[in-house]
Amino acid sequence: MPDQDPQIALSISQLIGPDGIPPTAMNDELRDLMNPSISARPLHLPESGRIKTVLNSEFVYYLAFDRCGSNPKHERVEQLRAAGWDYATTKDVEMFSADNVKGRGKDGFSNEIRSGDRRLMKIPKWRWQEIRKAQNLAALQQINPTRPNAGPMALGNMTPGMAHHYADDAAVRAGARVSDAATDLAEIVAGGQASGNASVAHVK
């Protein structure tokens, strides 16, 4: 009977039966499963396009859409280049997967690092910080469109200058006057206004 591997929660009898299986009768997988000297280590493949080491920390890196092949589309990367981005190179990063690096020269240099239809771009860190700050300011403006310097608004003050209050259920019911069509019409014809401001819903 082989030794129990502490990584296996089941008892040996549950795996190989109460009478056991001679090691010579085990197939390779069962023999490895029962072997306590073999550690169970799963296979974790690196994500395509993942950077292993940043060699140049003066830049921020971003995978942008850039399709090659019979129906190429390079509009996105060209827009980014016009806005100050550039292609990342093997002097900037080391990739987990060597397949991400295309067209290496004799010196191993390449400025085409891609994962499928995405190409790795770079931008100076200070410019990236400016972009992110502009995006965050725009987000703050969206939650506070009328008072940009006063901090985020609550639901109760999204319309500055207008009186507002929160009413509980008891206060609403106390001020309710059930509307009657005939009475309201008579009041309006007499030059007044309808006094009813509520209706009753009859739920069966």
Protein backbone atom coordinates (compact mmCIF):
# COMPACT_ATOMS: atom_id res chain seq x y z
CA MET A 1 0.00 0.00 0.00
CA PRO A 2 1.59 3.34 -1.04
CA ASP A 3 2.04 6.20 1.39
CA GLN A 4 -0.81 8.71 1.71
CA ASP A 5 -0.12 12.01 -0.07
CA PRO A 6 -1.18 14.80 2.35
CA GLN A 7 -2.48 16.83 -0.64
CA ILE A 8 -5.18 14.20 -1.24
CA ALA A 9 -8.20 14.71 1.00
CA LEU A 10 -9.73 11.31 0.19
CA SER A 11 -8.50 8.19 1.93
CA ILE A 12 -6.48 5.67 -0.04
CA SER A 13 -9.28 3.12 0.23
CA GLN A 14 -11.66 5.58 -1.43
CA LEU A 15 -9.25 5.93 -4.35
CA ILE A 16 -7.98 2.40 -4.89
CA GLY A 17 -10.44 0.29 -2.88
CA PRO A 18 -10.05 -1.48 0.49
CA ASP A 19 -7.79 -4.18 -0.94
CA GLY A 20 -5.48 -1.71 -2.64
CA ILE A 21 -3.77 -1.86 -6.02
CA PRO A 22 -0.17 -3.05 -6.31
CA PRO A 23 2.10 -0.25 -7.55
CA THR A 24 3.05 -2.42 -10.51
CA ALA A 25 -0.61 -2.49 -11.58
CA MET A 26 -1.06 1.29 -11.38
CA ASN A 27 -1.00 3.37 -14.53
CA ASP A 28 1.33 6.37 -14.66
CA GLU A 29 -1.29 8.95 -13.66
CA LEU A 30 -2.44 7.01 -10.60
CA ARG A 31 1.15 6.32 -9.58
CA ASP A 32 1.95 10.05 -9.84
CA LEU A 33 -1.25 10.94 -7.99
CA MET A 34 -0.25 8.72 -5.07
CA ASN A 35 3.38 9.87 -5.05
CA PRO A 36 3.87 12.39 -2.17
CA SER A 37 7.17 13.57 -3.66
CA ILE A 38 5.37 15.15 -6.65
CA SER A 39 3.83 18.55 -5.96
CA ALA A 40 0.57 19.49 -7.64
CA ARG A 41 1.38 22.63 -9.62
CA PRO A 42 -1.24 23.90 -12.14
CA LEU A 43 -0.31 25.26 -15.54
CA HIS A 44 -0.84 29.02 -15.77
CA LEU A 45 -0.23 30.36 -19.27
CA PRO A 46 0.63 34.06 -19.49
CA GLU A 47 -2.05 36.25 -21.00
CA SER A 48 -1.28 37.25 -24.58
CA GLY A 49 0.03 40.80 -24.66
CA ARG A 50 1.07 40.79 -21.00
CA ILE A 51 4.22 42.70 -20.12
CA LYS A 52 6.75 40.73 -18.11
CA THR A 53 9.18 43.55 -17.30
CA VAL A 54 8.97 47.29 -17.89
CA LEU A 55 12.46 48.36 -18.99
CA ASN A 56 11.62 52.03 -19.52
CA SER A 57 9.48 53.42 -16.70
CA GLU A 58 9.27 56.88 -18.28
CA PHE A 59 6.34 55.67 -20.37
CA VAL A 60 2.88 54.20 -19.82
CA TYR A 61 1.92 51.33 -22.13
CA TYR A 62 -1.40 50.55 -23.77
CA LEU A 63 -2.64 47.93 -26.28
CA ALA A 64 -4.51 49.72 -29.06
CA PHE A 65 -6.64 48.25 -31.84
CA ASP A 66 -4.56 47.77 -35.00
CA ARG A 67 -5.75 45.17 -37.50
CA CYS A 68 -3.47 43.83 -40.19
CA GLY A 69 -4.13 41.16 -42.81
CA SER A 70 -6.39 41.30 -45.85
CA ASN A 71 -8.71 43.89 -44.29
CA PRO A 72 -6.32 46.20 -42.40
CA LYS A 73 -7.48 49.01 -40.15
CA HIS A 74 -4.84 51.24 -38.57
CA GLU A 75 -7.03 54.26 -37.79
CA ARG A 76 -6.85 53.92 -34.00
CA VAL A 77 -3.05 53.72 -33.72
CA GLU A 78 -2.61 56.57 -36.19
CA GLN A 79 -4.99 58.72 -34.12
CA LEU A 80 -2.96 57.93 -31.01
CA ARG A 81 0.32 58.73 -32.76
CA ALA A 82 -1.10 62.09 -33.84
CA ALA A 83 -1.92 62.75 -30.16
CA GLY A 84 1.60 62.00 -28.93
CA TRP A 85 1.66 58.22 -28.59
CA ASP A 86 4.31 56.04 -30.23
CA TYR A 87 4.98 52.36 -30.80
CA ALA A 88 6.49 50.51 -27.84
CA THR A 89 9.75 48.69 -28.58
CA THR A 90 11.81 45.86 -27.13
CA LYS A 91 13.92 48.53 -25.41
CA ASP A 92 10.84 49.58 -23.45
CA VAL A 93 9.37 46.26 -22.33
CA GLU A 94 10.00 42.54 -22.12
CA MET A 95 6.96 40.42 -22.93
CA PHE A 96 5.94 37.14 -21.33
CA SER A 97 5.33 35.62 -24.76
CA ALA A 98 8.08 35.95 -27.36
CA ASP A 99 5.40 35.50 -30.04
CA ASN A 100 4.10 39.00 -29.22
CA VAL A 101 7.27 40.50 -30.69
CA LYS A 102 7.19 40.68 -34.50
CA GLY A 103 9.95 41.34 -37.02
CA ARG A 104 13.00 41.30 -34.76
CA GLY A 105 16.19 42.62 -36.34
CA LYS A 106 19.57 40.92 -36.07
CA ASP A 107 20.15 42.82 -32.83
CA GLY A 108 16.82 41.57 -31.45
CA PHE A 109 15.19 45.00 -31.69
CA SER A 110 11.58 45.45 -32.78
CA ASN A 111 9.03 48.24 -32.56
CA GLU A 112 6.11 45.95 -33.40
CA ILE A 113 4.74 44.30 -30.28
CA ARG A 114 1.25 43.01 -30.80
CA SER A 115 -1.36 40.60 -29.51
CA GLY A 116 -3.66 39.69 -32.37
CA ASP A 117 -5.37 42.88 -33.52
CA ARG A 118 -3.81 44.99 -30.77
CA ARG A 119 -0.46 46.79 -30.93
CA LEU A 120 1.45 47.99 -27.89
CA MET A 121 1.71 51.78 -27.74
CA LYS A 122 3.50 54.05 -25.30
CA ILE A 123 3.13 57.61 -24.08
CA PRO A 124 5.26 59.68 -21.68
CA LYS A 125 4.08 59.23 -18.12
CA TRP A 126 3.59 62.96 -17.55
CA ARG A 127 1.29 63.15 -20.60
CA TRP A 128 -0.67 60.12 -19.38
CA GLN A 129 -1.13 61.81 -16.01
CA GLU A 130 -2.52 64.88 -17.78
CA ILE A 131 -4.95 62.73 -19.75
CA ARG A 132 -6.16 60.85 -16.69
CA LYS A 133 -6.60 64.08 -14.73
CA ALA A 134 -8.69 65.54 -17.55
CA GLN A 135 -10.85 62.39 -17.58
CA ASN A 136 -11.34 62.53 -13.81
CA LEU A 137 -12.26 66.22 -13.91
CA ALA A 138 -14.79 65.44 -16.64
CA ALA A 139 -16.25 62.70 -14.45
CA LEU A 140 -16.60 65.14 -11.54
CA GLN A 141 -18.27 67.64 -13.84
CA GLN A 142 -20.86 65.02 -14.81
CA ILE A 143 -21.91 64.48 -11.18
CA ASN A 144 -21.90 68.23 -10.47
CA PRO A 145 -22.82 70.04 -13.70
CA THR A 146 -23.94 73.37 -12.23
CA ARG A 147 -21.41 74.14 -9.47
CA PRO A 148 -18.00 72.90 -10.68
CA ASN A 149 -16.12 74.25 -7.65
CA ALA A 150 -18.56 73.25 -4.91
CA GLY A 151 -18.00 69.52 -4.69
CA PRO A 152 -20.33 66.65 -5.58
CA MET A 153 -24.04 67.32 -5.33
CA ALA A 154 -26.59 65.25 -3.47
CA LEU A 155 -29.97 64.32 -4.95
CA GLY A 156 -31.61 67.05 -2.90
CA ASN A 157 -29.61 69.92 -4.41
CA MET A 158 -29.20 69.01 -8.08
CA THR A 159 -31.37 72.05 -8.88
CA PRO A 160 -29.74 74.97 -7.03
CA GLY A 161 -31.95 77.92 -6.03
CA MET A 162 -35.15 75.91 -5.85
CA ALA A 163 -36.76 75.08 -2.54
CA HIS A 164 -36.78 71.41 -1.79
CA HIS A 165 -37.49 69.10 1.09
CA TYR A 166 -37.82 65.43 1.85
CA ALA A 167 -41.32 64.27 2.83
CA ASP A 168 -42.02 61.13 4.77
CA ASP A 169 -45.05 58.96 4.11
CA ALA A 170 -47.07 60.38 7.04
CA ALA A 171 -46.58 63.97 5.86
CA VAL A 172 -47.66 63.12 2.33
CA ARG A 173 -50.81 61.38 3.56
CA ALA A 174 -51.65 64.26 5.93
CA GLY A 175 -51.63 66.76 3.07
CA ALA A 176 -53.55 64.61 0.62
CA ARG A 177 -57.01 65.72 -0.52
CA VAL A 178 -58.78 63.09 -2.56
CA SER A 179 -59.84 64.56 -5.89
CA ASP A 180 -63.48 64.36 -7.03
CA ALA A 181 -64.10 65.05 -10.71
CA ALA A 182 -67.45 66.81 -10.25
CA THR A 183 -66.22 68.99 -7.36
CA ASP A 184 -62.98 69.90 -9.12
CA LEU A 185 -64.83 70.86 -12.32
CA ALA A 186 -67.32 73.04 -10.41
CA GLU A 187 -64.47 74.85 -8.63
CA ILE A 188 -62.68 75.51 -11.92
CA VAL A 189 -65.89 76.79 -13.63
CA ALA A 190 -66.46 79.14 -10.69
CA GLY A 191 -63.05 80.68 -11.36
CA GLY A 192 -61.12 78.83 -8.69
CA GLN A 193 -58.87 75.83 -8.88
CA ALA A 194 -59.31 72.19 -8.12
CA SER A 195 -58.77 71.44 -4.47
CA GLY A 196 -58.05 67.75 -4.94
CA ASN A 197 -54.42 66.70 -5.19
CA ALA A 198 -54.61 62.93 -4.77
CA SER A 199 -56.50 59.90 -5.96
CA VAL A 200 -57.27 56.52 -4.46
CA ALA A 201 -56.16 53.37 -6.21
CA HIS A 202 -58.45 50.44 -5.51
CA VAL A 203 -56.39 47.27 -5.61
CA LYS A 204 -58.24 43.98 -5.75
